[in-house]
Amino acid sequence: MRAAGTEPDKNCIALGVTNGRLAGDMNLFLSTRSLAGSRREDHLTEFFAAALEISPAARSDYFDTALKEFAKAKGWSRCEISQIETQPRAFSGATCRPDMLLTLSNGKSIACEHKLDAIETAGPECDDRPQLERYLDQSVDGVLFVRSAWKPPSKLVLAHPKYIRPANREHFLWRDFFHLFRHEEPFLTWLREGFQNLGFTPPHPSIGELEGPDDGAVKTNKQNFAKLWNRTLSLTRERGWYSELGGISELYLTDNKQSIAYQIWVRPKSSGLLVRVTPRSGNLDLCSRQLDRIIDSNPLLELEQTVVARRKGKVKVLDITCSLADVLGCDQPTAEEMEARLCKFVERFLGAVE
């Protein structure tokens, strides 16, 4: 028997087996979720806030994950979360009200906005700015944004001194807080199983089969791989690309007017990675020469010019292929290591075509 408060077996967590039972037994988070209807974001917030209120360990982990570096940068004295409110009344006179308000032991306050897939809500006619911009005008000391998937706020928000963000991304993801529920307490177990059910889990270090019908294990593996793109999405956006995911795990980069490439498409496969560069009109030879420099410095990469059918006709493209193990490592890398290596890999090609 494991001592209380120690980390549960990771394989058990991955399979949804917790505290000696299968996920799916009584779980108030999951069993009440359908009752929330269109208020599922509020439902998640209330349970999440309750977990922080109930568990000092989860509350401390949350502070370390979301607020510690921000507090340090602001020069605040040693502090902790002392009060948690949802839909705080203090904002009743404003055109906005954050999902959660944290008061720290030093008197500082942090407004937290929580989203699933929805975009930021615009205000009334008198102030139709997105939510985060309006929160930053309030008498709070920090504003934190959490989403289920990557979708950065405006540049104005990102540049604001009150805005709190993780080191390598424009906002927090729900999966960043999955580790808060590792402690063996019933309420935290409900949240852990709930986060697993919603897909709010870190990318799994083992990729698995990525080819075949998009169902069952293949779909799950692609969904896990897609989680590894977050750092790359942030980087490419900062460098002027429009970045999005398609086909579950494929990366599409377009609309960088400063690039000699019209589009970059990266497709992960079980056998490796395919990087397809579509040059802008008249830039095929230049693009090929620039990419050749990368190929020459790495014999594990292969470059091939080919023709593909597009909606407007046939187009010449440049395909680069390589082993997935060569990019992500074959020495049992962690998910964080794979995310960083994948970002560095894509960055090399950006430098060649920008």
Protein backbone atom coordinates (compact mmCIF):
# COMPACT_ATOMS: atom_id res chain seq x y z
CA MET A 1 0.00 0.00 0.00
CA ARG A 2 1.30 3.45 -0.93
CA ALA A 3 1.60 6.02 1.84
CA ALA A 4 -0.93 8.86 1.72
CA GLY A 5 0.21 11.89 -0.25
CA THR A 6 2.76 10.05 -2.41
CA GLU A 7 2.57 10.05 -6.20
CA PRO A 8 0.33 7.32 -7.69
CA ASP A 9 1.63 4.87 -10.23
CA LYS A 10 1.87 6.65 -13.61
CA ASN A 11 0.72 3.61 -15.56
CA CYS A 12 -2.40 3.48 -13.39
CA ILE A 13 -3.11 7.14 -14.10
CA ALA A 14 -2.72 6.62 -17.84
CA LEU A 15 -5.21 3.75 -17.75
CA GLY A 16 -7.65 5.66 -15.59
CA VAL A 17 -7.10 3.37 -12.60
CA THR A 18 -6.87 5.36 -9.40
CA ASN A 19 -6.76 4.42 -5.74
CA GLY A 20 -7.35 0.75 -6.56
CA ARG A 21 -10.47 1.28 -8.66
CA LEU A 22 -11.38 2.01 -12.25
CA ALA A 23 -12.27 5.53 -13.33
CA GLY A 24 -16.01 5.55 -13.90
CA ASP A 25 -17.02 4.67 -10.33
CA MET A 26 -18.66 7.47 -8.34
CA ASN A 27 -17.21 10.78 -9.45
CA LEU A 28 -19.19 13.93 -8.68
CA PHE A 29 -17.30 16.01 -11.24
CA LEU A 30 -18.16 13.69 -14.14
CA SER A 31 -21.65 12.76 -12.93
CA THR A 32 -22.74 16.42 -12.59
CA ARG A 33 -21.09 17.68 -15.76
CA SER A 34 -24.07 16.94 -18.00
CA LEU A 35 -26.27 18.97 -15.65
CA ALA A 36 -24.22 22.11 -16.36
CA GLY A 37 -25.49 22.37 -19.96
CA SER A 38 -23.95 25.46 -21.57
CA ARG A 39 -22.28 26.42 -18.27
CA ARG A 40 -19.55 23.80 -18.44
CA GLU A 41 -16.79 26.38 -18.07
CA ASP A 42 -18.39 27.53 -14.82
CA HIS A 43 -18.79 23.92 -13.72
CA LEU A 44 -15.07 23.29 -14.26
CA THR A 45 -14.13 26.51 -12.47
CA GLU A 46 -16.23 25.73 -9.40
CA PHE A 47 -14.73 22.26 -9.01
CA PHE A 48 -11.21 23.53 -9.72
CA ALA A 49 -11.57 26.33 -7.15
CA ALA A 50 -12.99 23.85 -4.63
CA ALA A 51 -9.97 21.59 -5.13
CA LEU A 52 -7.64 24.50 -4.36
CA GLU A 53 -9.73 25.40 -1.31
CA ILE A 54 -9.87 21.84 0.04
CA SER A 55 -6.28 20.75 -0.57
CA PRO A 56 -3.33 22.80 0.77
CA ALA A 57 -1.01 20.60 -1.35
CA ALA A 58 -2.90 21.34 -4.58
CA ARG A 59 -3.06 25.04 -3.67
CA SER A 60 0.69 25.15 -3.12
CA ASP A 61 1.35 23.30 -6.39
CA TYR A 62 -0.91 25.75 -8.23
CA PHE A 63 0.98 28.72 -6.81
CA ASP A 64 4.32 27.21 -7.83
CA THR A 65 3.10 26.44 -11.36
CA ALA A 66 1.18 29.62 -12.16
CA LEU A 67 2.32 32.41 -9.86
CA LYS A 68 5.73 31.76 -8.35
CA GLU A 69 7.84 33.22 -11.18
CA PHE A 70 5.50 36.20 -11.65
CA ALA A 71 5.64 36.98 -7.92
CA LYS A 72 9.43 36.68 -7.96
CA ALA A 73 9.72 39.02 -10.96
CA LYS A 74 7.53 41.58 -9.20
CA GLY A 75 9.72 41.43 -6.10
CA TRP A 76 6.88 40.34 -3.85
CA SER A 77 7.81 38.93 -0.49
CA ARG A 78 7.21 35.26 0.26
CA CYS A 79 3.48 34.69 -0.13
CA GLU A 80 0.79 32.08 -0.72
CA ILE A 81 -2.86 31.90 -1.77
CA SER A 82 -5.03 32.91 1.18
CA GLN A 83 -8.48 33.34 -0.43
CA ILE A 84 -10.28 31.91 -3.50
CA GLU A 85 -13.45 33.38 -4.97
CA THR A 86 -15.45 32.46 -8.08
CA GLN A 87 -17.42 35.08 -10.02
CA PRO A 88 -16.22 37.67 -7.44
CA ARG A 89 -18.63 40.37 -6.30
CA ALA A 90 -15.78 42.88 -6.29
CA PHE A 91 -16.24 43.11 -10.07
CA SER A 92 -20.00 43.61 -9.99
CA GLY A 93 -19.74 47.27 -11.01
CA ALA A 94 -17.48 46.58 -14.00
CA THR A 95 -18.30 45.31 -17.49
CA CYS A 96 -16.49 42.08 -16.74
CA ARG A 97 -16.15 39.50 -13.99
CA PRO A 98 -13.34 36.89 -14.04
CA ASP A 99 -14.05 33.25 -13.33
CA MET A 100 -11.78 33.13 -10.30
CA LEU A 101 -10.13 35.71 -8.07
CA LEU A 102 -7.16 34.78 -5.89
CA THR A 103 -6.06 36.89 -2.95
CA LEU A 104 -2.49 36.30 -1.77
CA SER A 105 -1.22 36.53 1.78
CA ASN A 106 0.57 39.79 0.92
CA GLY A 107 -2.71 41.39 -0.19
CA LYS A 108 -2.11 41.09 -3.94
CA SER A 109 -4.97 39.87 -6.12
CA ILE A 110 -4.95 37.71 -9.26
CA ALA A 111 -7.86 37.51 -11.73
CA CYS A 112 -8.16 34.18 -13.57
CA GLU A 113 -10.14 33.68 -16.79
CA HIS A 114 -11.00 30.08 -17.70
CA LYS A 115 -12.02 28.87 -21.15
CA LEU A 116 -12.71 25.53 -22.78
CA ASP A 117 -13.01 26.15 -26.55
CA ALA A 118 -14.84 29.48 -26.57
CA ILE A 119 -13.20 32.74 -27.58
CA GLU A 120 -12.95 35.73 -25.26
CA THR A 121 -16.30 37.43 -24.71
CA ALA A 122 -16.63 40.99 -25.99
CA GLY A 123 -18.06 43.61 -23.67
CA PRO A 124 -21.19 45.76 -24.07
CA GLU A 125 -21.40 48.68 -26.48
CA CYS A 126 -19.84 51.02 -23.95
CA ASP A 127 -16.71 48.85 -23.85
CA ASP A 128 -16.60 46.08 -26.46
CA ARG A 129 -13.00 45.03 -25.85
CA PRO A 130 -12.21 41.32 -25.21
CA GLN A 131 -12.35 40.14 -21.61
CA LEU A 132 -8.64 40.08 -20.82
CA GLU A 133 -8.08 43.66 -21.93
CA ARG A 134 -10.90 44.78 -19.64
CA TYR A 135 -9.60 42.72 -16.70
CA LEU A 136 -6.20 44.36 -17.00
CA ASP A 137 -7.84 47.75 -16.36
CA GLN A 138 -9.28 46.56 -13.06
CA SER A 139 -7.65 47.02 -9.66
CA VAL A 140 -5.93 43.64 -9.67
CA ASP A 141 -2.22 42.88 -9.59
CA GLY A 142 -2.19 40.11 -12.18
CA VAL A 143 -4.34 38.44 -14.84
CA LEU A 144 -4.03 34.75 -15.74
CA PHE A 145 -5.62 32.99 -18.74
CA VAL A 146 -6.27 29.24 -19.07
CA ARG A 147 -7.64 27.40 -22.13
CA SER A 148 -8.07 23.80 -23.24
CA ALA A 149 -6.15 24.44 -26.49
CA TRP A 150 -3.68 27.02 -27.74
CA LYS A 151 -5.23 30.35 -28.84
CA PRO A 152 -3.19 33.41 -27.85
CA PRO A 153 -4.79 36.68 -26.70
CA SER A 154 -4.03 40.04 -28.33
CA LYS A 155 -0.54 41.55 -28.48
CA LEU A 156 -1.76 44.28 -26.14
CA VAL A 157 -2.53 41.66 -23.49
CA LEU A 158 0.73 39.78 -24.01
CA ALA A 159 2.77 42.97 -23.54
CA HIS A 160 0.92 44.13 -20.42
CA PRO A 161 2.96 44.04 -17.16
CA LYS A 162 0.02 42.52 -15.26
CA TYR A 163 -0.40 39.59 -17.63
CA ILE A 164 0.83 36.24 -16.27
CA ARG A 165 2.05 33.60 -18.74
CA PRO A 166 4.20 30.46 -18.66
CA ALA A 167 7.78 30.67 -19.88
CA ASN A 168 7.31 29.15 -23.34
CA ARG A 169 3.68 29.88 -24.21
CA GLU A 170 1.25 32.80 -24.46
CA HIS A 171 -1.17 31.36 -21.91
CA PHE A 172 -1.69 28.40 -19.60
CA LEU A 173 -3.38 25.20 -20.71
CA TRP A 174 -5.54 23.10 -18.42
CA ARG A 175 -3.04 20.28 -18.81
CA ASP A 176 -0.45 22.42 -17.02
CA PHE A 177 -2.39 21.76 -13.80
CA PHE A 178 -2.97 18.03 -14.15
CA HIS A 179 -0.20 17.31 -11.64
CA LEU A 180 -2.14 19.17 -8.93
CA PHE A 181 -4.38 16.13 -8.58
CA ARG A 182 -1.68 13.52 -7.98
CA HIS A 183 -2.38 13.54 -4.24
CA GLU A 184 -4.62 10.72 -3.02
CA GLU A 185 -7.62 12.69 -1.82
CA PRO A 186 -11.14 11.82 -3.05
CA PHE A 187 -11.96 15.28 -4.41
CA LEU A 188 -8.62 15.48 -6.23
CA THR A 189 -9.21 11.99 -7.63
CA TRP A 190 -12.48 13.23 -9.16
CA LEU A 191 -10.65 16.11 -10.81
CA ARG A 192 -7.82 13.88 -11.99
CA GLU A 193 -10.29 11.51 -13.65
CA GLY A 194 -12.22 14.50 -14.98
CA PHE A 195 -9.10 15.99 -16.57
CA GLN A 196 -8.32 12.61 -18.13
CA ASN A 197 -11.84 12.40 -19.50
CA LEU A 198 -11.56 15.90 -21.03
CA GLY A 199 -8.08 15.28 -22.46
CA PHE A 200 -6.40 17.82 -20.14
CA THR A 201 -3.30 15.64 -19.68
CA PRO A 202 0.36 16.20 -20.61
CA PRO A 203 1.53 14.70 -23.91
CA HIS A 204 2.54 11.09 -23.40
CA PRO A 205 6.27 10.36 -23.83
CA SER A 206 5.51 7.29 -25.96
CA ILE A 207 4.18 8.31 -29.39
CA GLY A 208 2.88 4.98 -30.71
CA GLU A 209 1.32 4.23 -34.12
CA LEU A 210 0.36 7.36 -36.10
CA GLU A 211 -0.83 5.84 -39.36
CA GLY A 212 -4.10 4.15 -40.18
CA PRO A 213 -7.78 5.04 -39.66
CA ASP A 214 -8.33 7.96 -37.31
CA ASP A 215 -10.02 5.89 -34.66
CA GLY A 216 -9.00 3.89 -31.64
CA ALA A 217 -5.32 3.89 -30.72
CA VAL A 218 -4.19 5.83 -33.81
CA LYS A 219 -6.50 8.73 -33.04
CA THR A 220 -5.39 8.75 -29.41
CA ASN A 221 -1.73 8.72 -30.45
CA LYS A 222 -2.30 11.63 -32.85
CA GLN A 223 -4.07 13.58 -30.15
CA ASN A 224 -1.12 13.01 -27.83
CA PHE A 225 1.34 14.09 -30.51
CA ALA A 226 -0.68 17.25 -31.15
CA LYS A 227 0.08 18.29 -27.58
CA LEU A 228 3.77 18.44 -28.47
CA TRP A 229 3.19 21.34 -30.90
CA ASN A 230 2.36 24.01 -28.32
CA ARG A 231 5.86 25.45 -28.01
CA THR A 232 6.26 25.40 -31.80
CA LEU A 233 2.93 27.18 -32.27
CA SER A 234 4.08 29.95 -29.96
CA LEU A 235 7.43 30.29 -31.72
CA THR A 236 5.99 30.38 -35.24
CA ARG A 237 3.40 32.96 -34.28
CA GLU A 238 6.11 35.21 -32.83
CA ARG A 239 7.98 34.94 -36.15
CA GLY A 240 5.01 36.12 -38.19
CA TRP A 241 3.37 32.88 -39.31
CA TYR A 242 -0.28 31.95 -39.12
CA SER A 243 -0.10 28.63 -37.28
CA GLU A 244 -2.76 25.98 -36.91
CA LEU A 245 -3.18 22.24 -36.53
CA GLY A 246 -5.04 20.03 -39.01
CA GLY A 247 -5.57 16.31 -39.44
CA ILE A 248 -5.39 16.13 -35.63
CA SER A 249 -1.58 16.24 -35.40
CA GLU A 250 -0.34 18.05 -38.52
CA LEU A 251 1.17 21.55 -38.38
CA TYR A 252 0.28 24.17 -41.00
CA LEU A 253 2.21 27.45 -41.33
CA THR A 254 1.05 30.15 -43.79
CA ASP A 255 0.73 33.89 -44.41
CA ASN A 256 4.23 35.07 -43.53
CA LYS A 257 4.75 37.86 -46.06
CA GLN A 258 8.48 37.98 -45.28
CA SER A 259 9.07 34.35 -46.26
CA ILE A 260 10.00 32.88 -49.63
CA ALA A 261 7.72 29.97 -48.72
CA TYR A 262 3.96 30.21 -49.19
CA GLN A 263 3.27 27.31 -46.83
CA ILE A 264 5.07 24.85 -44.57
CA TRP A 265 3.30 21.62 -43.67
CA VAL A 266 4.70 19.17 -41.12
CA ARG A 267 3.16 15.71 -40.92
CA PRO A 268 4.23 13.27 -38.19
CA LYS A 269 4.20 9.63 -39.29
CA SER A 270 5.20 6.44 -37.54
CA SER A 271 8.23 6.18 -39.80
CA GLY A 272 9.28 9.79 -39.39
CA LEU A 273 8.48 13.44 -40.07
CA LEU A 274 7.58 14.91 -43.45
CA VAL A 275 8.20 18.64 -43.90
CA ARG A 276 6.63 19.95 -47.12
CA VAL A 277 7.64 23.45 -48.19
CA THR A 278 5.60 25.17 -50.89
CA PRO A 279 7.70 28.04 -52.33
CA ARG A 280 6.14 31.30 -53.41
CA SER A 281 5.90 31.81 -57.15
CA GLY A 282 9.37 32.23 -58.66
CA ASN A 283 11.19 31.16 -55.49
CA LEU A 284 11.56 27.42 -56.09
CA ASP A 285 15.30 27.46 -56.85
CA LEU A 286 16.11 29.92 -54.05
CA CYS A 287 14.06 27.91 -51.59
CA SER A 288 15.78 24.70 -52.67
CA ARG A 289 19.26 26.19 -52.22
CA GLN A 290 18.40 27.52 -48.77
CA LEU A 291 17.04 24.16 -47.62
CA ASP A 292 20.02 22.34 -49.13
CA ARG A 293 22.25 24.08 -46.59
CA ILE A 294 20.35 22.38 -43.78
CA ILE A 295 20.44 19.03 -45.57
CA ASP A 296 24.20 19.29 -46.15
CA SER A 297 24.79 19.80 -42.44
CA ASN A 298 22.65 16.82 -41.46
CA PRO A 299 23.02 13.60 -43.49
CA LEU A 300 19.99 12.12 -41.72
CA LEU A 301 17.70 14.50 -43.63
CA GLU A 302 16.54 13.90 -47.21
CA LEU A 303 15.30 16.55 -49.66
CA GLU A 304 13.20 15.78 -52.71
CA GLN A 305 11.42 18.01 -55.23
CA THR A 306 8.01 16.69 -56.18
CA VAL A 307 4.70 17.76 -57.69
CA VAL A 308 1.40 17.71 -55.82
CA ALA A 309 -2.16 18.44 -56.93
CA ARG A 310 -3.79 21.49 -55.42
CA ARG A 311 -7.13 23.14 -56.00
CA LYS A 312 -5.61 25.55 -58.55
CA GLY A 313 -3.60 22.85 -60.31
CA LYS A 314 -0.28 21.07 -59.90
CA VAL A 315 2.36 22.71 -57.72
CA LYS A 316 6.07 21.98 -57.24
CA VAL A 317 7.00 21.45 -53.60
CA LEU A 318 10.08 20.50 -51.60
CA ASP A 319 9.79 17.51 -49.26
CA ILE A 320 12.19 16.90 -46.38
CA THR A 321 11.96 13.60 -44.52
CA CYS A 322 13.71 12.29 -41.46
CA SER A 323 13.39 9.70 -38.74
CA LEU A 324 11.10 10.59 -35.85
CA ALA A 325 13.65 9.15 -33.44
CA ASP A 326 16.33 11.46 -34.86
CA VAL A 327 14.17 14.47 -34.05
CA LEU A 328 12.64 13.49 -30.73
CA GLY A 329 15.41 11.23 -29.44
CA CYS A 330 15.37 7.51 -28.77
CA ASP A 331 16.75 7.61 -25.23
CA GLN A 332 13.35 7.69 -23.52
CA PRO A 333 12.96 11.50 -23.60
CA THR A 334 10.34 13.19 -21.48
CA ALA A 335 7.38 14.93 -23.07
CA GLU A 336 8.97 18.30 -22.29
CA GLU A 337 12.21 17.27 -24.02
CA MET A 338 10.32 16.10 -27.10
CA GLU A 339 8.34 19.33 -27.24
CA ALA A 340 11.57 21.36 -27.12
CA ARG A 341 13.32 19.20 -29.75
CA LEU A 342 10.36 19.40 -32.10
CA CYS A 343 10.32 23.19 -31.79
CA LYS A 344 14.06 23.42 -32.47
CA PHE A 345 13.68 21.15 -35.51
CA VAL A 346 11.01 23.35 -37.11
CA GLU A 347 12.91 26.52 -36.22
CA ARG A 348 15.82 25.44 -38.45
CA PHE A 349 13.56 25.37 -41.50
CA LEU A 350 12.01 28.70 -40.63
CA GLY A 351 15.47 30.25 -40.63
CA ALA A 352 16.10 28.90 -44.13
CA VAL A 353 13.00 30.38 -45.75
CA GLU A 354 12.51 33.67 -43.88
